[in-house]
PDB file of N, CA and C in Angstrom:
ATOM      1  N   UNK A   1      56.504  81.722 159.358  1.00  0.00           N
ATOM      2  CA  UNK A   1      57.581  82.457 158.727  1.00  0.00           C
ATOM      3  C   UNK A   1      56.993  83.757 158.195  1.00  0.00           C
ATOM      4  N   UNK A   2      57.571  84.858 158.599  1.00  0.00           N
ATOM      5  CA  UNK A   2      56.974  86.170 158.333  1.00  0.00           C
ATOM      6  C   UNK A   2      57.584  86.863 157.117  1.00  0.00           C
ATOM      7  N   UNK A   3      56.732  87.614 156.459  1.00  0.00           N
ATOM      8  CA  UNK A   3      57.158  88.570 155.439  1.00  0.00           C
ATOM      9  C   UNK A   3      56.997  89.957 156.044  1.00  0.00           C
ATOM     10  N   UNK A   4      57.437  91.002 155.326  1.00  0.00           N
ATOM     11  CA  UNK A   4      57.440  92.361 155.866  1.00  0.00           C
ATOM     12  C   UNK A   4      56.936  93.311 154.799  1.00  0.00           C
ATOM     13  N   UNK A   5      55.921  94.095 155.138  1.00  0.00           N
ATOM     14  CA  UNK A   5      55.423  95.135 154.240  1.00  0.00           C
ATOM     15  C   UNK A   5      55.520  96.465 154.967  1.00  0.00           C
ATOM     16  N   UNK A   6      56.415  97.323 154.513  1.00  0.00           N
ATOM     17  CA  UNK A   6      56.582  98.664 155.080  1.00  0.00           C
ATOM     18  C   UNK A   6      55.682  99.584 154.283  1.00  0.00           C
ATOM     19  N   UNK A   7      54.684 100.171 154.940  1.00  0.00           N
ATOM     20  CA  UNK A   7      53.659 100.950 154.241  1.00  0.00           C
ATOM     21  C   UNK A   7      53.660 102.409 154.678  1.00  0.00           C
ATOM     22  N   UNK A   8      54.838 103.013 154.776  1.00  0.00           N
ATOM     23  CA  UNK A   8      54.917 104.449 155.048  1.00  0.00           C
ATOM     24  C   UNK A   8      54.329 105.214 153.878  1.00  0.00           C
ATOM     25  N   UNK A   9      54.560 104.708 152.674  1.00  0.00           N
ATOM     26  CA  UNK A   9      53.928 105.235 151.471  1.00  0.00           C
ATOM     27  C   UNK A   9      52.712 104.389 151.147  1.00  0.00           C
ATOM     28  N   UNK A  10      52.346 104.344 149.873  1.00  0.00           N
ATOM     29  CA  UNK A  10      51.160 103.613 149.437  1.00  0.00           C
ATOM     30  C   UNK A  10      51.577 102.230 148.922  1.00  0.00           C
ATOM     31  N   UNK A  11      50.894 101.200 149.404  1.00  0.00           N
ATOM     32  CA  UNK A  11      51.094  99.838 148.912  1.00  0.00           C
ATOM     33  C   UNK A  11      49.745  99.314 148.441  1.00  0.00           C
ATOM     34  N   UNK A  12      49.660  98.960 147.155  1.00  0.00           N
ATOM     35  CA  UNK A  12      48.439  98.369 146.604  1.00  0.00           C
ATOM     36  C   UNK A  12      48.759  96.949 146.161  1.00  0.00           C
ATOM     37  N   UNK A  13      47.955  96.006 146.635  1.00  0.00           N
ATOM     38  CA  UNK A  13      48.151  94.602 146.304  1.00  0.00           C
ATOM     39  C   UNK A  13      46.866  94.087 145.679  1.00  0.00           C
ATOM     40  N   UNK A  14      46.959  93.595 144.457  1.00  0.00           N
ATOM     41  CA  UNK A  14      45.795  93.115 143.735  1.00  0.00           C
ATOM     42  C   UNK A  14      45.267  91.799 144.274  1.00  0.00           C
ATOM     43  N   UNK A  15      44.267  91.276 143.611  1.00  0.00           N
ATOM     44  CA  UNK A  15      43.667  90.019 144.048  1.00  0.00           C
ATOM     45  C   UNK A  15      44.475  88.834 143.512  1.00  0.00           C
ATOM     46  N   UNK A  16      44.431  87.740 144.239  1.00  0.00           N
ATOM     47  CA  UNK A  16      45.098  86.520 143.820  1.00  0.00           C
ATOM     48  C   UNK A  16      46.608  86.562 143.911  1.00  0.00           C
ATOM     49  N   UNK A  17      47.167  87.469 144.717  1.00  0.00           N
ATOM     50  CA  UNK A  17      48.626  87.578 144.861  1.00  0.00           C
ATOM     51  C   UNK A  17      49.106  86.527 145.860  1.00  0.00           C
ATOM     52  N   UNK A  18      50.156  85.807 145.495  1.00  0.00           N
ATOM     53  CA  UNK A  18      50.782  84.820 146.372  1.00  0.00           C
ATOM     54  C   UNK A  18      52.180  85.290 146.720  1.00  0.00           C
ATOM     55  N   UNK A  19      52.552  85.150 148.005  1.00  0.00           N
ATOM     56  CA  UNK A  19      53.891  85.535 148.452  1.00  0.00           C
ATOM     57  C   UNK A  19      54.510  84.396 149.246  1.00  0.00           C
ATOM     58  N   UNK A  20      55.759  84.096 148.937  1.00  0.00           N
ATOM     59  CA  UNK A  20      56.497  83.119 149.708  1.00  0.00           C
ATOM     60  C   UNK A  20      56.973  83.729 151.017  1.00  0.00           C
ATOM     61  N   UNK A  21      57.676  82.939 151.825  1.00  0.00           N
ATOM     62  CA  UNK A  21      58.189  83.442 153.092  1.00  0.00           C
ATOM     63  C   UNK A  21      59.308  84.461 152.892  1.00  0.00           C
ATOM     64  N   UNK A  22      59.438  85.338 153.844  1.00  0.00           N
ATOM     65  CA  UNK A  22      60.533  86.327 153.906  1.00  0.00           C
ATOM     66  C   UNK A  22      60.522  87.346 152.768  1.00  0.00           C
ATOM     67  N   UNK A  23      59.365  87.590 152.161  1.00  0.00           N
ATOM     68  CA  UNK A  23      59.242  88.648 151.150  1.00  0.00           C
ATOM     69  C   UNK A  23      59.261  89.990 151.873  1.00  0.00           C
ATOM     70  N   UNK A  24      59.955  90.974 151.314  1.00  0.00           N
ATOM     71  CA  UNK A  24      60.010  92.325 151.890  1.00  0.00           C
ATOM     72  C   UNK A  24      59.595  93.335 150.842  1.00  0.00           C
ATOM     73  N   UNK A  25      58.655  94.205 151.242  1.00  0.00           N
ATOM     74  CA  UNK A  25      58.122  95.237 150.359  1.00  0.00           C
ATOM     75  C   UNK A  25      58.303  96.585 151.043  1.00  0.00           C
ATOM     76  N   UNK A  26      58.903  97.543 150.337  1.00  0.00           N
ATOM     77  CA  UNK A  26      59.203  98.857 150.906  1.00  0.00           C
ATOM     78  C   UNK A  26      58.566  99.957 150.061  1.00  0.00           C
ATOM     79  N   UNK A  27      57.807 100.856 150.708  1.00  0.00           N
ATOM     80  CA  UNK A  27      57.153 101.951 149.979  1.00  0.00           C
ATOM     81  C   UNK A  27      57.748 103.315 150.327  1.00  0.00           C
ATOM     82  N   UNK A  28      58.911 103.329 150.929  1.00  0.00           N
ATOM     83  CA  UNK A  28      59.573 104.603 151.238  1.00  0.00           C
ATOM     84  C   UNK A  28      61.074 104.422 151.118  1.00  0.00           C
ATOM     85  N   UNK A  29      61.760 105.544 151.154  1.00  0.00           N
ATOM     86  CA  UNK A  29      63.213 105.516 151.050  1.00  0.00           C
ATOM     87  C   UNK A  29      63.782 106.720 151.798  1.00  0.00           C
ATOM     88  N   UNK A  30      65.081 106.741 151.938  1.00  0.00           N
ATOM     89  CA  UNK A  30      65.791 107.907 152.471  1.00  0.00           C
ATOM     90  C   UNK A  30      66.464 108.615 151.306  1.00  0.00           C
ATOM     91  N   UNK A  31      66.636 109.914 151.441  1.00  0.00           N
ATOM     92  CA  UNK A  31      67.517 110.603 150.507  1.00  0.00           C
ATOM     93  C   UNK A  31      68.938 110.158 150.836  1.00  0.00           C
ATOM     94  N   UNK A  32      69.770 110.118 149.823  1.00  0.00           N
ATOM     95  CA  UNK A  32      71.140 109.711 150.074  1.00  0.00           C
ATOM     96  C   UNK A  32      72.082 110.460 149.151  1.00  0.00           C
ATOM     97  N   UNK A  33      73.339 110.354 149.420  1.00  0.00           N
ATOM     98  CA  UNK A  33      74.335 111.014 148.580  1.00  0.00           C
ATOM     99  C   UNK A  33      75.473 111.601 149.400  1.00  0.00           C
ATOM    100  N   UNK A  34      75.139 112.230 150.523  1.00  0.00           N
ATOM    101  CA  UNK A  34      76.169 112.815 151.375  1.00  0.00           C
ATOM    102  C   UNK A  34      76.099 112.177 152.752  1.00  0.00           C
ATOM    103  N   UNK A  35      77.213 112.095 153.474  1.00  0.00           N
ATOM    104  CA  UNK A  35      77.150 111.581 154.836  1.00  0.00           C
ATOM    105  C   UNK A  35      76.147 112.383 155.665  1.00  0.00           C
ATOM    106  N   UNK A  36      75.349 111.696 156.437  1.00  0.00           N
ATOM    107  CA  UNK A  36      74.346 112.351 157.262  1.00  0.00           C
ATOM    108  C   UNK A  36      72.975 112.411 156.622  1.00  0.00           C
ATOM    109  N   UNK A  37      72.884 112.179 155.298  1.00  0.00           N
ATOM    110  CA  UNK A  37      71.592 112.248 154.619  1.00  0.00           C
ATOM    111  C   UNK A  37      70.605 111.211 155.137  1.00  0.00           C
ATOM    112  N   UNK A  38      71.104 110.081 155.597  1.00  0.00           N
ATOM    113  CA  UNK A  38      70.201 109.043 156.090  1.00  0.00           C
ATOM    114  C   UNK A  38      69.477 109.466 157.359  1.00  0.00           C
ATOM    115  N   UNK A  39      69.908 110.544 157.970  1.00  0.00           N
ATOM    116  CA  UNK A  39      69.232 111.035 159.163  1.00  0.00           C
ATOM    117  C   UNK A  39      67.994 111.850 158.815  1.00  0.00           C
ATOM    118  N   UNK A  40      67.810 112.151 157.551  1.00  0.00           N
ATOM    119  CA  UNK A  40      66.629 112.898 157.117  1.00  0.00           C
ATOM    120  C   UNK A  40      65.399 112.004 157.214  1.00  0.00           C
ATOM    121  N   UNK A  41      64.214 112.597 157.262  1.00  0.00           N
ATOM    122  CA  UNK A  41      62.989 111.791 157.341  1.00  0.00           C
ATOM    123  C   UNK A  41      62.798 110.911 156.108  1.00  0.00           C
ATOM    124  N   UNK A  42      61.996 109.863 156.284  1.00  0.00           N
ATOM    125  CA  UNK A  42      61.661 109.000 155.162  1.00  0.00           C
ATOM    126  C   UNK A  42      60.928 109.779 154.077  1.00  0.00           C
ATOM    127  N   UNK A  43      61.112 109.356 152.848  1.00  0.00           N
ATOM    128  CA  UNK A  43      60.433 109.946 151.701  1.00  0.00           C
ATOM    129  C   UNK A  43      59.430 108.904 151.193  1.00  0.00           C
ATOM    130  N   UNK A  44      58.135 109.231 151.253  1.00  0.00           N
ATOM    131  CA  UNK A  44      57.088 108.289 150.874  1.00  0.00           C
ATOM    132  C   UNK A  44      57.090 108.043 149.373  1.00  0.00           C
ATOM    133  N   UNK A  45      56.795 106.811 148.999  1.00  0.00           N
ATOM    134  CA  UNK A  45      56.667 106.431 147.604  1.00  0.00           C
ATOM    135  C   UNK A  45      55.472 105.509 147.442  1.00  0.00           C
ATOM    136  N   UNK A  46      55.604 104.535 146.546  1.00  0.00           N
ATOM    137  CA  UNK A  46      54.498 103.614 146.315  1.00  0.00           C
ATOM    138  C   UNK A  46      55.031 102.263 145.867  1.00  0.00           C
ATOM    139  N   UNK A  47      54.204 101.252 146.021  1.00  0.00           N
ATOM    140  CA  UNK A  47      54.387  99.940 145.402  1.00  0.00           C
ATOM    141  C   UNK A  47      53.012  99.516 144.913  1.00  0.00           C
ATOM    142  N   UNK A  48      52.929  99.084 143.663  1.00  0.00           N
ATOM    143  CA  UNK A  48      51.670  98.630 143.085  1.00  0.00           C
ATOM    144  C   UNK A  48      51.879  97.227 142.518  1.00  0.00           C
ATOM    145  N   UNK A  49      51.210  96.255 143.143  1.00  0.00           N
ATOM    146  CA  UNK A  49      51.318  94.862 142.712  1.00  0.00           C
ATOM    147  C   UNK A  49      49.992  94.475 142.073  1.00  0.00           C
ATOM    148  N   UNK A  50      50.048  94.053 140.822  1.00  0.00           N
ATOM    149  CA  UNK A  50      48.840  93.723 140.076  1.00  0.00           C
ATOM    150  C   UNK A  50      48.180  92.433 140.547  1.00  0.00           C
ATOM    151  N   UNK A  51      47.215  91.973 139.786  1.00  0.00           N
ATOM    152  CA  UNK A  51      46.463  90.763 140.099  1.00  0.00           C
ATOM    153  C   UNK A  51      47.229  89.509 139.673  1.00  0.00           C
ATOM    154  N   UNK A  52      47.027  88.440 140.448  1.00  0.00           N
ATOM    155  CA  UNK A  52      47.573  87.115 140.112  1.00  0.00           C
ATOM    156  C   UNK A  52      49.093  87.126 139.951  1.00  0.00           C
ATOM    157  N   UNK A  53      49.768  87.848 140.833  1.00  0.00           N
ATOM    158  CA  UNK A  53      51.232  87.907 140.855  1.00  0.00           C
ATOM    159  C   UNK A  53      51.732  86.899 141.880  1.00  0.00           C
ATOM    160  N   UNK A  54      52.828  86.251 141.565  1.00  0.00           N
ATOM    161  CA  UNK A  54      53.460  85.305 142.475  1.00  0.00           C
ATOM    162  C   UNK A  54      54.835  85.868 142.826  1.00  0.00           C
ATOM    163  N   UNK A  55      55.073  86.098 144.115  1.00  0.00           N
ATOM    164  CA  UNK A  55      56.352  86.646 144.585  1.00  0.00           C
ATOM    165  C   UNK A  55      57.061  85.558 145.376  1.00  0.00           C
ATOM    166  N   UNK A  56      58.217  85.120 144.879  1.00  0.00           N
ATOM    167  CA  UNK A  56      58.953  84.016 145.474  1.00  0.00           C
ATOM    168  C   UNK A  56      59.620  84.371 146.797  1.00  0.00           C
ATOM    169  N   UNK A  57      59.984  83.349 147.523  1.00  0.00           N
ATOM    170  CA  UNK A  57      60.595  83.474 148.849  1.00  0.00           C
ATOM    171  C   UNK A  57      61.816  84.385 148.829  1.00  0.00           C
ATOM    172  N   UNK A  58      61.889  85.275 149.807  1.00  0.00           N
ATOM    173  CA  UNK A  58      63.047  86.134 149.984  1.00  0.00           C
ATOM    174  C   UNK A  58      63.160  87.305 149.030  1.00  0.00           C
ATOM    175  N   UNK A  59      62.189  87.485 148.159  1.00  0.00           N
ATOM    176  CA  UNK A  59      62.247  88.591 147.200  1.00  0.00           C
ATOM    177  C   UNK A  59      62.074  89.930 147.918  1.00  0.00           C
ATOM    178  N   UNK A  60      62.687  90.959 147.367  1.00  0.00           N
ATOM    179  CA  UNK A  60      62.563  92.323 147.876  1.00  0.00           C
ATOM    180  C   UNK A  60      61.975  93.183 146.765  1.00  0.00           C
ATOM    181  N   UNK A  61      60.917  93.925 147.102  1.00  0.00           N
ATOM    182  CA  UNK A  61      60.311  94.872 146.167  1.00  0.00           C
ATOM    183  C   UNK A  61      60.600  96.267 146.711  1.00  0.00           C
ATOM    184  N   UNK A  62      61.371  97.051 145.974  1.00  0.00           N
ATOM    185  CA  UNK A  62      61.795  98.372 146.419  1.00  0.00           C
ATOM    186  C   UNK A  62      60.731  99.430 146.114  1.00  0.00           C
ATOM    187  N   UNK A  63      60.978 100.620 146.585  1.00  0.00           N
ATOM    188  CA  UNK A  63      60.065 101.750 146.454  1.00  0.00           C
ATOM    189  C   UNK A  63      59.862 102.165 144.997  1.00  0.00           C
ATOM    190  N   UNK A  64      58.659 102.676 144.708  1.00  0.00           N
ATOM    191  CA  UNK A  64      58.307 103.235 143.403  1.00  0.00           C
ATOM    192  C   UNK A  64      58.389 102.211 142.268  1.00  0.00           C
ATOM    193  N   UNK A  65      57.810 101.033 142.547  1.00  0.00           N
ATOM    194  CA  UNK A  65      57.796  99.939 141.585  1.00  0.00           C
ATOM    195  C   UNK A  65      56.364  99.478 141.362  1.00  0.00           C
ATOM    196  N   UNK A  66      56.033  99.189 140.104  1.00  0.00           N
ATOM    197  CA  UNK A  66      54.762  98.562 139.750  1.00  0.00           C
ATOM    198  C   UNK A  66      55.060  97.200 139.137  1.00  0.00           C
ATOM    199  N   UNK A  67      54.300  96.209 139.573  1.00  0.00           N
ATOM    200  CA  UNK A  67      54.426  94.854 139.038  1.00  0.00           C
ATOM    201  C   UNK A  67      53.124  94.543 138.318  1.00  0.00           C
ATOM    202  N   UNK A  68      53.216  94.218 137.037  1.00  0.00           N
ATOM    203  CA  UNK A  68      52.034  93.983 136.225  1.00  0.00           C
ATOM    204  C   UNK A  68      51.335  92.673 136.540  1.00  0.00           C
ATOM    205  N   UNK A  69      50.097  92.559 136.084  1.00  0.00           N
ATOM    206  CA  UNK A  69      49.285  91.362 136.293  1.00  0.00           C
ATOM    207  C   UNK A  69      49.984  90.114 135.748  1.00  0.00           C
ATOM    208  N   UNK A  70      49.701  88.984 136.422  1.00  0.00           N
ATOM    209  CA  UNK A  70      50.136  87.653 135.960  1.00  0.00           C
ATOM    210  C   UNK A  70      51.644  87.502 135.852  1.00  0.00           C
ATOM    211  N   UNK A  71      52.405  88.233 136.661  1.00  0.00           N
ATOM    212  CA  UNK A  71      53.860  88.121 136.627  1.00  0.00           C
ATOM    213  C   UNK A  71      54.368  87.266 137.782  1.00  0.00           C
ATOM    214  N   UNK A  72      55.581  86.756 137.616  1.00  0.00           N
ATOM    215  CA  UNK A  72      56.226  85.921 138.623  1.00  0.00           C
ATOM    216  C   UNK A  72      57.552  86.573 138.994  1.00  0.00           C
ATOM    217  N   UNK A  73      57.765  86.766 140.302  1.00  0.00           N
ATOM    218  CA  UNK A  73      59.024  87.308 140.815  1.00  0.00           C
ATOM    219  C   UNK A  73      59.796  86.141 141.416  1.00  0.00           C
ATOM    220  N   UNK A  74      60.967  85.866 140.896  1.00  0.00           N
ATOM    221  CA  UNK A  74      61.751  84.729 141.358  1.00  0.00           C
ATOM    222  C   UNK A  74      62.220  84.891 142.795  1.00  0.00           C
ATOM    223  N   UNK A  75      62.502  83.764 143.417  1.00  0.00           N
ATOM    224  CA  UNK A  75      63.010  83.759 144.785  1.00  0.00           C
ATOM    225  C   UNK A  75      64.284  84.594 144.881  1.00  0.00           C
ATOM    226  N   UNK A  76      64.382  85.378 145.948  1.00  0.00           N
ATOM    227  CA  UNK A  76      65.550  86.216 146.262  1.00  0.00           C
ATOM    228  C   UNK A  76      65.828  87.308 145.236  1.00  0.00           C
ATOM    229  N   UNK A  77      64.875  87.616 144.382  1.00  0.00           N
ATOM    230  CA  UNK A  77      65.057  88.700 143.408  1.00  0.00           C
ATOM    231  C   UNK A  77      64.995  90.050 144.123  1.00  0.00           C
ATOM    232  N   UNK A  78      65.676  91.046 143.571  1.00  0.00           N
ATOM    233  CA  UNK A  78      65.609  92.419 144.055  1.00  0.00           C
ATOM    234  C   UNK A  78      64.965  93.248 142.954  1.00  0.00           C
ATOM    235  N   UNK A  79      63.692  93.622 143.168  1.00  0.00           N
ATOM    236  CA  UNK A  79      62.914  94.328 142.155  1.00  0.00           C
ATOM    237  C   UNK A  79      62.996  95.828 142.427  1.00  0.00           C
ATOM    238  N   UNK A  80      63.747  96.550 141.600  1.00  0.00           N
ATOM    239  CA  UNK A  80      63.896  97.992 141.789  1.00  0.00           C
ATOM    240  C   UNK A  80      63.446  98.790 140.560  1.00  0.00           C
ATOM    241  N   UNK A  81      62.795  98.106 139.619  1.00  0.00           N
ATOM    242  CA  UNK A  81      62.198  98.796 138.475  1.00  0.00           C
ATOM    243  C   UNK A  81      60.911  98.063 138.092  1.00  0.00           C
ATOM    244  N   UNK A  82      60.082  98.731 137.300  1.00  0.00           N
ATOM    245  CA  UNK A  82      58.780  98.180 136.956  1.00  0.00           C
ATOM    246  C   UNK A  82      58.908  96.838 136.239  1.00  0.00           C
ATOM    247  N   UNK A  83      57.923  95.970 136.514  1.00  0.00           N
ATOM    248  CA  UNK A  83      57.834  94.658 135.878  1.00  0.00           C
ATOM    249  C   UNK A  83      56.577  94.656 135.006  1.00  0.00           C
ATOM    250  N   UNK A  84      56.707  94.409 133.708  1.00  0.00           N
ATOM    251  CA  UNK A  84      55.522  94.377 132.848  1.00  0.00           C
ATOM    252  C   UNK A  84      54.610  93.200 133.205  1.00  0.00           C
ATOM    253  N   UNK A  85      53.386  93.243 132.756  1.00  0.00           N
ATOM    254  CA  UNK A  85      52.476  92.116 132.919  1.00  0.00           C
ATOM    255  C   UNK A  85      53.011  90.898 132.171  1.00  0.00           C
ATOM    256  N   UNK A  86      52.646  89.718 132.677  1.00  0.00           N
ATOM    257  CA  UNK A  86      52.938  88.447 132.001  1.00  0.00           C
ATOM    258  C   UNK A  86      54.428  88.199 131.798  1.00  0.00           C
ATOM    259  N   UNK A  87      55.225  88.461 132.854  1.00  0.00           N
ATOM    260  CA  UNK A  87      56.669  88.237 132.788  1.00  0.00           C
ATOM    261  C   UNK A  87      57.150  87.462 134.002  1.00  0.00           C
ATOM    262  N   UNK A  88      58.231  86.730 133.796  1.00  0.00           N
ATOM    263  CA  UNK A  88      58.972  86.126 134.892  1.00  0.00           C
ATOM    264  C   UNK A  88      60.248  86.937 135.033  1.00  0.00           C
ATOM    265  N   UNK A  89      60.535  87.417 136.259  1.00  0.00           N
ATOM    266  CA  UNK A  89      61.768  88.157 136.501  1.00  0.00           C
ATOM    267  C   UNK A  89      62.550  87.478 137.623  1.00  0.00           C
ATOM    268  N   UNK A  90      63.844  87.694 137.635  1.00  0.00           N
ATOM    269  CA  UNK A  90      64.686  87.161 138.690  1.00  0.00           C
ATOM    270  C   UNK A  90      66.028  87.841 138.669  1.00  0.00           C
ATOM    271  N   UNK A  91      66.778  87.652 139.747  1.00  0.00           N
ATOM    272  CA  UNK A  91      68.129  88.181 139.844  1.00  0.00           C
ATOM    273  C   UNK A  91      68.217  89.437 140.684  1.00  0.00           C
ATOM    274  N   UNK A  92      69.463  89.932 140.775  1.00  0.00           N
ATOM    275  CA  UNK A  92      69.771  91.127 141.569  1.00  0.00           C
ATOM    276  C   UNK A  92      70.619  92.042 140.699  1.00  0.00           C
ATOM    277  N   UNK A  93      70.041  93.118 140.168  1.00  0.00           N
ATOM    278  CA  UNK A  93      68.627  93.489 140.205  1.00  0.00           C
ATOM    279  C   UNK A  93      67.814  92.584 139.286  1.00  0.00           C
ATOM    280  N   UNK A  94      66.510  92.536 139.509  1.00  0.00           N
ATOM    281  CA  UNK A  94      65.636  91.655 138.736  1.00  0.00           C
ATOM    282  C   UNK A  94      65.586  92.088 137.271  1.00  0.00           C
ATOM    283  N   UNK A  95      65.643  91.099 136.399  1.00  0.00           N
ATOM    284  CA  UNK A  95      65.558  91.308 134.952  1.00  0.00           C
ATOM    285  C   UNK A  95      64.548  90.316 134.385  1.00  0.00           C
ATOM    286  N   UNK A  96      63.989  90.629 133.229  1.00  0.00           N
ATOM    287  CA  UNK A  96      63.039  89.723 132.596  1.00  0.00           C
ATOM    288  C   UNK A  96      63.782  88.458 132.139  1.00  0.00           C
ATOM    289  N   UNK A  97      63.251  87.316 132.579  1.00  0.00           N
ATOM    290  CA  UNK A  97      63.796  86.019 132.184  1.00  0.00           C
ATOM    291  C   UNK A  97      62.968  85.410 131.073  1.00  0.00           C
ATOM    292  N   UNK A  98      61.638  85.630 131.169  1.00  0.00           N
ATOM    293  CA  UNK A  98      60.727  85.001 130.222  1.00  0.00           C
ATOM    294  C   UNK A  98      59.455  85.815 130.144  1.00  0.00           C
ATOM    295  N   UNK A  99      58.850  85.860 128.978  1.00  0.00           N
ATOM    296  CA  UNK A  99      57.527  86.470 128.801  1.00  0.00           C
ATOM    297  C   UNK A  99      56.509  85.338 128.716  1.00  0.00           C
ATOM    298  N   UNK A 100      55.432  85.491 129.477  1.00  0.00           N
ATOM    299  CA  UNK A 100      54.416  84.434 129.529  1.00  0.00           C
ATOM    300  C   UNK A 100      53.341  84.654 128.486  1.00  0.00           C
TER     301      UNK A 100
END
């Protein structure tokens, strides 16, 4: 069962990171707002995943996001903003559920 890491931009993955099946990580985006904007070239960004992070099955990590050390991303979460260290996040969009 495959996961997907799009690395048009920069993707940094720390040590001890675990990922479930079907995780998707994106380091670029399109400009948007007007019809036809999606035809423009990709805009590079970044994803930074800290050490000892656990990313649950089906989670999506969007562009320009940092995930702090020792955090847990719940299954099927959509992470579109930074996640502090030592947190459990989940939902769409992902929100802090618990601090570890």
